[in-house]
Amino acid sequence: VTHPDVTRYFMTVEEAVELVIQAGAIGRDGEAMVLD
């Protein structure tokens, strides 16, 4: 492990892709859609 205090965000690939496809339906032109 690189460091005792290092943190990262995690999500299952199924959850992430489900939101990616949803973002494609609601995304506004030129913006970045950021997943929670």
PDB file of all heavy atoms in Angstrom:
ATOM      1  N   VAL A   1       0.870  -1.175   0.000  1.00  0.00           N
ATOM      2  CA  VAL A   1       0.000   0.000   0.000  1.00  0.00           C
ATOM      3  C   VAL A   1       0.905   1.221   0.000  1.00  0.00           C
ATOM      4  O   VAL A   1       1.934   1.244   0.685  1.00  0.00           O
ATOM      5  CB  VAL A   1      -0.919   0.010   1.239  1.00  0.00           C
ATOM      6  CG1 VAL A   1      -1.818   1.247   1.237  1.00  0.00           C
ATOM      7  CG2 VAL A   1      -1.760  -1.258   1.295  1.00  0.00           C
ATOM      8  N   THR A   2       0.532   2.235  -0.765  1.00  0.00           N
ATOM      9  CA  THR A   2       1.419   3.387  -0.896  1.00  0.00           C
ATOM     10  C   THR A   2       1.555   4.172   0.405  1.00  0.00           C
ATOM     11  O   THR A   2       2.648   4.606   0.784  1.00  0.00           O
ATOM     12  CB  THR A   2       0.922   4.331  -2.001  1.00  0.00           C
ATOM     13  OG1 THR A   2      -0.432   4.716  -1.718  1.00  0.00           O
ATOM     14  CG2 THR A   2       0.984   3.647  -3.356  1.00  0.00           C
ATOM     15  N   HIS A   3       0.413   4.358   1.121  1.00  0.00           N
ATOM     16  CA  HIS A   3       0.455   5.203   2.326  1.00  0.00           C
ATOM     17  C   HIS A   3      -0.700   4.791   3.247  1.00  0.00           C
ATOM     18  O   HIS A   3      -1.791   4.450   2.763  1.00  0.00           O
ATOM     19  CB  HIS A   3       0.320   6.679   1.942  1.00  0.00           C
ATOM     20  CG  HIS A   3       0.631   7.625   3.055  1.00  0.00           C
ATOM     21  ND1 HIS A   3      -0.276   7.914   4.049  1.00  0.00           N
ATOM     22  CD2 HIS A   3       1.758   8.356   3.336  1.00  0.00           C
ATOM     23  CE1 HIS A   3       0.261   8.787   4.899  1.00  0.00           C
ATOM     24  NE2 HIS A   3       1.483   9.066   4.489  1.00  0.00           N
ATOM     25  N   PRO A   4      -0.510   4.826   4.563  1.00  0.00           N
ATOM     26  CA  PRO A   4      -1.583   4.406   5.483  1.00  0.00           C
ATOM     27  C   PRO A   4      -2.849   5.239   5.366  1.00  0.00           C
ATOM     28  O   PRO A   4      -3.937   4.751   5.678  1.00  0.00           O
ATOM     29  CB  PRO A   4      -0.944   4.584   6.868  1.00  0.00           C
ATOM     30  CG  PRO A   4       0.519   4.566   6.642  1.00  0.00           C
ATOM     31  CD  PRO A   4       0.745   5.155   5.283  1.00  0.00           C
ATOM     32  N   ASP A   5      -2.737   6.488   4.936  1.00  0.00           N
ATOM     33  CA  ASP A   5      -3.900   7.380   4.928  1.00  0.00           C
ATOM     34  C   ASP A   5      -4.461   7.644   3.536  1.00  0.00           C
ATOM     35  O   ASP A   5      -5.396   8.440   3.395  1.00  0.00           O
ATOM     36  CB  ASP A   5      -3.536   8.718   5.577  1.00  0.00           C
ATOM     37  CG  ASP A   5      -3.149   8.559   7.035  1.00  0.00           C
ATOM     38  OD1 ASP A   5      -3.771   7.726   7.717  1.00  0.00           O
ATOM     39  OD2 ASP A   5      -2.220   9.261   7.491  1.00  0.00           O
ATOM     40  N   VAL A   6      -3.912   7.037   2.504  1.00  0.00           N
ATOM     41  CA  VAL A   6      -4.375   7.316   1.153  1.00  0.00           C
ATOM     42  C   VAL A   6      -5.809   6.811   0.972  1.00  0.00           C
ATOM     43  O   VAL A   6      -6.180   5.748   1.493  1.00  0.00           O
ATOM     44  CB  VAL A   6      -3.436   6.672   0.108  1.00  0.00           C
ATOM     45  CG1 VAL A   6      -3.561   5.154   0.104  1.00  0.00           C
ATOM     46  CG2 VAL A   6      -3.709   7.217  -1.292  1.00  0.00           C
ATOM     47  N   THR A   7      -6.636   7.612   0.307  1.00  0.00           N
ATOM     48  CA  THR A   7      -8.042   7.241   0.084  1.00  0.00           C
ATOM     49  C   THR A   7      -8.357   7.302  -1.407  1.00  0.00           C
ATOM     50  O   THR A   7      -7.720   8.027  -2.166  1.00  0.00           O
ATOM     51  CB  THR A   7      -9.003   8.187   0.824  1.00  0.00           C
ATOM     52  OG1 THR A   7      -8.846   9.520   0.313  1.00  0.00           O
ATOM     53  CG2 THR A   7      -8.749   8.161   2.318  1.00  0.00           C
ATOM     54  N   ARG A   8      -9.353   6.536  -1.783  1.00  0.00           N
ATOM     55  CA  ARG A   8      -9.822   6.539  -3.168  1.00  0.00           C
ATOM     56  C   ARG A   8     -11.340   6.332  -3.190  1.00  0.00           C
ATOM     57  O   ARG A   8     -11.923   5.764  -2.281  1.00  0.00           O
ATOM     58  CB  ARG A   8      -9.150   5.418  -3.979  1.00  0.00           C
ATOM     59  CG  ARG A   8      -7.660   5.612  -4.229  1.00  0.00           C
ATOM     60  CD  ARG A   8      -7.380   6.791  -5.148  1.00  0.00           C
ATOM     61  NE  ARG A   8      -5.958   6.963  -5.407  1.00  0.00           N
ATOM     62  CZ  ARG A   8      -5.160   7.770  -4.713  1.00  0.00           C
ATOM     63  NH1 ARG A   8      -5.658   8.453  -3.682  1.00  0.00           N
ATOM     64  NH2 ARG A   8      -3.887   7.892  -5.024  1.00  0.00           N
ATOM     65  N   TYR A   9     -11.942   6.818  -4.286  1.00  0.00           N
ATOM     66  CA  TYR A   9     -13.358   6.543  -4.529  1.00  0.00           C
ATOM     67  C   TYR A   9     -13.480   5.209  -5.252  1.00  0.00           C
ATOM     68  O   TYR A   9     -12.650   4.869  -6.101  1.00  0.00           O
ATOM     69  CB  TYR A   9     -13.976   7.631  -5.414  1.00  0.00           C
ATOM     70  CG  TYR A   9     -14.140   8.966  -4.729  1.00  0.00           C
ATOM     71  CD1 TYR A   9     -13.229   9.994  -4.940  1.00  0.00           C
ATOM     72  CD2 TYR A   9     -15.221   9.197  -3.886  1.00  0.00           C
ATOM     73  CE1 TYR A   9     -13.391  11.226  -4.315  1.00  0.00           C
ATOM     74  CE2 TYR A   9     -15.389  10.427  -3.258  1.00  0.00           C
ATOM     75  CZ  TYR A   9     -14.473  11.436  -3.483  1.00  0.00           C
ATOM     76  OH  TYR A   9     -14.633  12.642  -2.875  1.00  0.00           O
ATOM     77  N   PHE A  10     -14.539   4.456  -4.916  1.00  0.00           N
ATOM     78  CA  PHE A  10     -14.768   3.181  -5.571  1.00  0.00           C
ATOM     79  C   PHE A  10     -16.243   3.023  -5.930  1.00  0.00           C
ATOM     80  O   PHE A  10     -17.131   3.511  -5.233  1.00  0.00           O
ATOM     81  CB  PHE A  10     -14.355   2.012  -4.669  1.00  0.00           C
ATOM     82  CG  PHE A  10     -12.869   1.819  -4.570  1.00  0.00           C
ATOM     83  CD1 PHE A  10     -12.173   2.313  -3.475  1.00  0.00           C
ATOM     84  CD2 PHE A  10     -12.179   1.150  -5.557  1.00  0.00           C
ATOM     85  CE1 PHE A  10     -10.804   2.135  -3.372  1.00  0.00           C
ATOM     86  CE2 PHE A  10     -10.807   0.978  -5.468  1.00  0.00           C
ATOM     87  CZ  PHE A  10     -10.119   1.463  -4.371  1.00  0.00           C
ATOM     88  N   MET A  11     -16.466   2.301  -7.018  1.00  0.00           N
ATOM     89  CA  MET A  11     -17.806   1.947  -7.448  1.00  0.00           C
ATOM     90  C   MET A  11     -17.680   0.680  -8.288  1.00  0.00           C
ATOM     91  O   MET A  11     -16.676   0.474  -8.959  1.00  0.00           O
ATOM     92  CB  MET A  11     -18.418   3.093  -8.276  1.00  0.00           C
ATOM     93  CG  MET A  11     -19.836   2.835  -8.776  1.00  0.00           C
ATOM     94  SD  MET A  11     -20.490   4.248  -9.730  1.00  0.00           S
ATOM     95  CE  MET A  11     -20.931   5.365  -8.403  1.00  0.00           C
ATOM     96  N   THR A  12     -18.673  -0.188  -8.229  1.00  0.00           N
ATOM     97  CA  THR A  12     -18.605  -1.369  -9.080  1.00  0.00           C
ATOM     98  C   THR A  12     -18.739  -0.945 -10.539  1.00  0.00           C
ATOM     99  O   THR A  12     -19.346   0.082 -10.861  1.00  0.00           O
ATOM    100  CB  THR A  12     -19.713  -2.379  -8.757  1.00  0.00           C
ATOM    101  OG1 THR A  12     -20.980  -1.822  -9.106  1.00  0.00           O
ATOM    102  CG2 THR A  12     -19.698  -2.755  -7.278  1.00  0.00           C
ATOM    103  N   VAL A  13     -18.168  -1.745 -11.415  1.00  0.00           N
ATOM    104  CA  VAL A  13     -18.214  -1.408 -12.834  1.00  0.00           C
ATOM    105  C   VAL A  13     -19.650  -1.379 -13.342  1.00  0.00           C
ATOM    106  O   VAL A  13     -20.007  -0.552 -14.200  1.00  0.00           O
ATOM    107  CB  VAL A  13     -17.336  -2.394 -13.652  1.00  0.00           C
ATOM    108  CG1 VAL A  13     -17.898  -3.808 -13.590  1.00  0.00           C
ATOM    109  CG2 VAL A  13     -17.206  -1.945 -15.096  1.00  0.00           C
ATOM    110  N   GLU A  14     -20.506  -2.259 -12.799  1.00  0.00           N
ATOM    111  CA  GLU A  14     -21.909  -2.271 -13.226  1.00  0.00           C
ATOM    112  C   GLU A  14     -22.608  -0.973 -12.829  1.00  0.00           C
ATOM    113  O   GLU A  14     -23.367  -0.390 -13.619  1.00  0.00           O
ATOM    114  CB  GLU A  14     -22.646  -3.467 -12.611  1.00  0.00           C
ATOM    115  CG  GLU A  14     -22.172  -4.822 -13.084  1.00  0.00           C
ATOM    116  CD  GLU A  14     -20.949  -5.307 -12.329  1.00  0.00           C
ATOM    117  OE1 GLU A  14     -20.524  -4.627 -11.357  1.00  0.00           O
ATOM    118  OE2 GLU A  14     -20.404  -6.363 -12.703  1.00  0.00           O
ATOM    119  N   GLU A  15     -22.363  -0.512 -11.604  1.00  0.00           N
ATOM    120  CA  GLU A  15     -22.977   0.730 -11.141  1.00  0.00           C
ATOM    121  C   GLU A  15     -22.470   1.919 -11.949  1.00  0.00           C
ATOM    122  O   GLU A  15     -23.260   2.795 -12.351  1.00  0.00           O
ATOM    123  CB  GLU A  15     -22.665   0.930  -9.661  1.00  0.00           C
ATOM    124  CG  GLU A  15     -23.305  -0.088  -8.734  1.00  0.00           C
ATOM    125  CD  GLU A  15     -22.704  -0.105  -7.348  1.00  0.00           C
ATOM    126  OE1 GLU A  15     -21.622   0.478  -7.146  1.00  0.00           O
ATOM    127  OE2 GLU A  15     -23.310  -0.700  -6.449  1.00  0.00           O
ATOM    128  N   ALA A  16     -21.160   1.968 -12.186  1.00  0.00           N
ATOM    129  CA  ALA A  16     -20.589   3.095 -12.923  1.00  0.00           C
ATOM    130  C   ALA A  16     -21.146   3.165 -14.338  1.00  0.00           C
ATOM    131  O   ALA A  16     -21.537   4.241 -14.811  1.00  0.00           O
ATOM    132  CB  ALA A  16     -19.064   2.964 -12.960  1.00  0.00           C
ATOM    133  N   VAL A  17     -21.200   2.032 -15.019  1.00  0.00           N
ATOM    134  CA  VAL A  17     -21.666   2.030 -16.405  1.00  0.00           C
ATOM    135  C   VAL A  17     -23.151   2.358 -16.480  1.00  0.00           C
ATOM    136  O   VAL A  17     -23.597   3.056 -17.397  1.00  0.00           O
ATOM    137  CB  VAL A  17     -21.361   0.670 -17.049  1.00  0.00           C
ATOM    138  CG1 VAL A  17     -22.108   0.511 -18.367  1.00  0.00           C
ATOM    139  CG2 VAL A  17     -19.861   0.531 -17.286  1.00  0.00           C
ATOM    140  N   GLU A  18     -23.912   1.899 -15.505  1.00  0.00           N
ATOM    141  CA  GLU A  18     -25.334   2.231 -15.485  1.00  0.00           C
ATOM    142  C   GLU A  18     -25.527   3.749 -15.428  1.00  0.00           C
ATOM    143  O   GLU A  18     -26.384   4.316 -16.121  1.00  0.00           O
ATOM    144  CB  GLU A  18     -25.993   1.555 -14.279  1.00  0.00           C
ATOM    145  CG  GLU A  18     -27.504   1.513 -14.342  1.00  0.00           C
ATOM    146  CD  GLU A  18     -28.097   0.651 -13.248  1.00  0.00           C
ATOM    147  OE1 GLU A  18     -27.345  -0.136 -12.630  1.00  0.00           O
ATOM    148  OE2 GLU A  18     -29.316   0.774 -13.006  1.00  0.00           O
ATOM    149  N   LEU A  19     -24.706   4.412 -14.603  1.00  0.00           N
ATOM    150  CA  LEU A  19     -24.792   5.868 -14.512  1.00  0.00           C
ATOM    151  C   LEU A  19     -24.218   6.551 -15.745  1.00  0.00           C
ATOM    152  O   LEU A  19     -24.686   7.630 -16.133  1.00  0.00           O
ATOM    153  CB  LEU A  19     -24.077   6.354 -13.249  1.00  0.00           C
ATOM    154  CG  LEU A  19     -24.793   6.073 -11.927  1.00  0.00           C
ATOM    155  CD1 LEU A  19     -23.929   6.483 -10.749  1.00  0.00           C
ATOM    156  CD2 LEU A  19     -26.139   6.791 -11.877  1.00  0.00           C
ATOM    157  N   VAL A  20     -23.204   5.958 -16.357  1.00  0.00           N
ATOM    158  CA  VAL A  20     -22.652   6.530 -17.597  1.00  0.00           C
ATOM    159  C   VAL A  20     -23.721   6.569 -18.677  1.00  0.00           C
ATOM    160  O   VAL A  20     -23.903   7.578 -19.378  1.00  0.00           O
ATOM    161  CB  VAL A  20     -21.431   5.714 -18.072  1.00  0.00           C
ATOM    162  CG1 VAL A  20     -21.070   6.078 -19.518  1.00  0.00           C
ATOM    163  CG2 VAL A  20     -20.231   5.985 -17.170  1.00  0.00           C
ATOM    164  N   ILE A  21     -24.432   5.469 -18.828  1.00  0.00           N
ATOM    165  CA  ILE A  21     -25.488   5.421 -19.855  1.00  0.00           C
ATOM    166  C   ILE A  21     -26.594   6.406 -19.515  1.00  0.00           C
ATOM    167  O   ILE A  21     -27.154   7.071 -20.395  1.00  0.00           O
ATOM    168  CB  ILE A  21     -26.029   3.986 -19.977  1.00  0.00           C
ATOM    169  CG1 ILE A  21     -24.907   3.040 -20.426  1.00  0.00           C
ATOM    170  CG2 ILE A  21     -27.182   3.927 -20.967  1.00  0.00           C
ATOM    171  CD1 ILE A  21     -25.314   1.584 -20.468  1.00  0.00           C
ATOM    172  N   GLN A  22     -26.917   6.517 -18.217  1.00  0.00           N
ATOM    173  CA  GLN A  22     -27.922   7.501 -17.808  1.00  0.00           C
ATOM    174  C   GLN A  22     -27.430   8.919 -18.089  1.00  0.00           C
ATOM    175  O   GLN A  22     -28.197   9.780 -18.554  1.00  0.00           O
ATOM    176  CB  GLN A  22     -28.222   7.354 -16.319  1.00  0.00           C
ATOM    177  CG  GLN A  22     -29.265   8.327 -15.785  1.00  0.00           C
ATOM    178  CD  GLN A  22     -30.657   8.025 -16.288  1.00  0.00           C
ATOM    179  OE1 GLN A  22     -31.258   7.047 -15.921  1.00  0.00           O
ATOM    180  NE2 GLN A  22     -31.173   8.876 -17.155  1.00  0.00           N
ATOM    181  N   ALA A  23     -26.148   9.179 -17.836  1.00  0.00           N
ATOM    182  CA  ALA A  23     -25.589  10.507 -18.084  1.00  0.00           C
ATOM    183  C   ALA A  23     -25.687  10.866 -19.557  1.00  0.00           C
ATOM    184  O   ALA A  23     -25.880  12.039 -19.918  1.00  0.00           O
ATOM    185  CB  ALA A  23     -24.140  10.560 -17.613  1.00  0.00           C
ATOM    186  N   GLY A  24     -25.545   9.856 -20.426  1.00  0.00           N
ATOM    187  CA  GLY A  24     -25.689  10.123 -21.849  1.00  0.00           C
ATOM    188  C   GLY A  24     -27.068  10.635 -22.213  1.00  0.00           C
ATOM    189  O   GLY A  24     -27.226  11.403 -23.163  1.00  0.00           O
ATOM    190  N   ALA A  25     -28.062  10.233 -21.421  1.00  0.00           N
ATOM    191  CA  ALA A  25     -29.436  10.654 -21.713  1.00  0.00           C
ATOM    192  C   ALA A  25     -29.732  12.060 -21.209  1.00  0.00           C
ATOM    193  O   ALA A  25     -30.597  12.749 -21.757  1.00  0.00           O
ATOM    194  CB  ALA A  25     -30.429   9.663 -21.089  1.00  0.00           C
ATOM    195  N   ILE A  26     -29.013  12.500 -20.157  1.00  0.00           N
ATOM    196  CA  ILE A  26     -29.359  13.783 -19.539  1.00  0.00           C
ATOM    197  C   ILE A  26     -28.237  14.811 -19.645  1.00  0.00           C
ATOM    198  O   ILE A  26     -28.402  15.945 -19.222  1.00  0.00           O
ATOM    199  CB  ILE A  26     -29.714  13.586 -18.053  1.00  0.00           C
ATOM    200  CG1 ILE A  26     -28.502  13.077 -17.264  1.00  0.00           C
ATOM    201  CG2 ILE A  26     -30.897  12.624 -17.899  1.00  0.00           C
ATOM    202  CD1 ILE A  26     -28.747  12.959 -15.766  1.00  0.00           C
ATOM    203  N   GLY A  27     -27.078  14.413 -20.212  1.00  0.00           N
ATOM    204  CA  GLY A  27     -25.941  15.322 -20.260  1.00  0.00           C
ATOM    205  C   GLY A  27     -26.185  16.544 -21.128  1.00  0.00           C
ATOM    206  O   GLY A  27     -26.854  16.465 -22.160  1.00  0.00           O
ATOM    207  N   ARG A  28     -25.622  17.671 -20.698  1.00  0.00           N
ATOM    208  CA  ARG A  28     -25.715  18.906 -21.472  1.00  0.00           C
ATOM    209  C   ARG A  28     -24.466  19.078 -22.321  1.00  0.00           C
ATOM    210  O   ARG A  28     -23.353  18.769 -21.885  1.00  0.00           O
ATOM    211  CB  ARG A  28     -25.885  20.112 -20.542  1.00  0.00           C
ATOM    212  CG  ARG A  28     -27.228  20.142 -19.835  1.00  0.00           C
ATOM    213  CD  ARG A  28     -27.470  21.510 -19.214  1.00  0.00           C
ATOM    214  NE  ARG A  28     -28.737  21.572 -18.515  1.00  0.00           N
ATOM    215  CZ  ARG A  28     -29.227  22.683 -17.972  1.00  0.00           C
ATOM    216  NH1 ARG A  28     -28.535  23.815 -18.055  1.00  0.00           N
ATOM    217  NH2 ARG A  28     -30.381  22.666 -17.353  1.00  0.00           N
ATOM    218  N   ASP A  29     -24.647  19.588 -23.490  1.00  0.00           N
ATOM    219  CA  ASP A  29     -23.575  19.704 -24.483  1.00  0.00           C
ATOM    220  C   ASP A  29     -22.375  20.459 -23.927  1.00  0.00           C
ATOM    221  O   ASP A  29     -22.503  21.561 -23.397  1.00  0.00           O
ATOM    222  CB  ASP A  29     -24.126  20.426 -25.712  1.00  0.00           C
ATOM    223  CG  ASP A  29     -23.342  20.114 -26.964  1.00  0.00           C
ATOM    224  OD1 ASP A  29     -22.590  19.126 -26.948  1.00  0.00           O
ATOM    225  OD2 ASP A  29     -23.491  20.852 -27.950  1.00  0.00           O
ATOM    226  N   GLY A  30     -21.188  19.823 -24.023  1.00  0.00           N
ATOM    227  CA  GLY A  30     -19.951  20.467 -23.625  1.00  0.00           C
ATOM    228  C   GLY A  30     -19.609  20.353 -22.161  1.00  0.00           C
ATOM    229  O   GLY A  30     -18.528  20.781 -21.742  1.00  0.00           O
ATOM    230  N   GLU A  31     -20.474  19.789 -21.343  1.00  0.00           N
ATOM    231  CA  GLU A  31     -20.222  19.704 -19.914  1.00  0.00           C
ATOM    232  C   GLU A  31     -19.629  18.349 -19.540  1.00  0.00           C
ATOM    233  O   GLU A  31     -19.633  17.402 -20.322  1.00  0.00           O
ATOM    234  CB  GLU A  31     -21.521  19.932 -19.142  1.00  0.00           C
ATOM    235  CG  GLU A  31     -22.071  21.338 -19.277  1.00  0.00           C
ATOM    236  CD  GLU A  31     -23.305  21.555 -18.437  1.00  0.00           C
ATOM    237  OE1 GLU A  31     -24.025  20.583 -18.155  1.00  0.00           O
ATOM    238  OE2 GLU A  31     -23.547  22.706 -18.053  1.00  0.00           O
ATOM    239  N   ALA A  32     -19.135  18.277 -18.322  1.00  0.00           N
ATOM    240  CA  ALA A  32     -18.707  17.014 -17.740  1.00  0.00           C
ATOM    241  C   ALA A  32     -19.742  16.601 -16.706  1.00  0.00           C
ATOM    242  O   ALA A  32     -20.095  17.385 -15.825  1.00  0.00           O
ATOM    243  CB  ALA A  32     -17.332  17.140 -17.084  1.00  0.00           C
ATOM    244  N   MET A  33     -20.219  15.381 -16.834  1.00  0.00           N
ATOM    245  CA  MET A  33     -21.169  14.825 -15.878  1.00  0.00           C
ATOM    246  C   MET A  33     -20.356  14.060 -14.832  1.00  0.00           C
ATOM    247  O   MET A  33     -19.581  13.159 -15.171  1.00  0.00           O
ATOM    248  CB  MET A  33     -22.171  13.908 -16.573  1.00  0.00           C
ATOM    249  CG  MET A  33     -22.810  14.524 -17.812  1.00  0.00           C
ATOM    250  SD  MET A  33     -23.729  16.044 -17.441  1.00  0.00           S
ATOM    251  CE  MET A  33     -25.121  15.369 -16.544  1.00  0.00           C
ATOM    252  N   VAL A  34     -20.515  14.422 -13.576  1.00  0.00           N
ATOM    253  CA  VAL A  34     -19.702  13.860 -12.497  1.00  0.00           C
ATOM    254  C   VAL A  34     -20.566  12.910 -11.674  1.00  0.00           C
ATOM    255  O   VAL A  34     -21.598  13.314 -11.128  1.00  0.00           O
ATOM    256  CB  VAL A  34     -19.126  14.968 -11.603  1.00  0.00           C
ATOM    257  CG1 VAL A  34     -18.216  14.369 -10.532  1.00  0.00           C
ATOM    258  CG2 VAL A  34     -18.360  15.987 -12.439  1.00  0.00           C
ATOM    259  N   LEU A  35     -20.134  11.652 -11.566  1.00  0.00           N
ATOM    260  CA  LEU A  35     -20.903  10.649 -10.850  1.00  0.00           C
ATOM    261  C   LEU A  35     -20.642  10.748  -9.346  1.00  0.00           C
ATOM    262  O   LEU A  35     -19.511  10.953  -8.916  1.00  0.00           O
ATOM    263  CB  LEU A  35     -20.540   9.238 -11.320  1.00  0.00           C
ATOM    264  CG  LEU A  35     -20.640   8.967 -12.825  1.00  0.00           C
ATOM    265  CD1 LEU A  35     -20.449   7.472 -13.094  1.00  0.00           C
ATOM    266  CD2 LEU A  35     -21.957   9.450 -13.400  1.00  0.00           C
ATOM    267  N   ASP A  36     -21.690  10.611  -8.561  1.00  0.00           N
ATOM    268  CA  ASP A  36     -21.564  10.578  -7.105  1.00  0.00           C
ATOM    269  C   ASP A  36     -20.998   9.212  -6.705  1.00  0.00           C
ATOM    270  O   ASP A  36     -21.658   8.188  -6.842  1.00  0.00           O
ATOM    271  CB  ASP A  36     -22.941  10.783  -6.471  1.00  0.00           C
ATOM    272  CG  ASP A  36     -22.890  10.797  -4.947  1.00  0.00           C
ATOM    273  OD1 ASP A  36     -21.819  10.492  -4.389  1.00  0.00           O
ATOM    274  OD2 ASP A  36     -23.919  11.104  -4.340  1.00  0.00           O
TER     275      ASP A  36
END
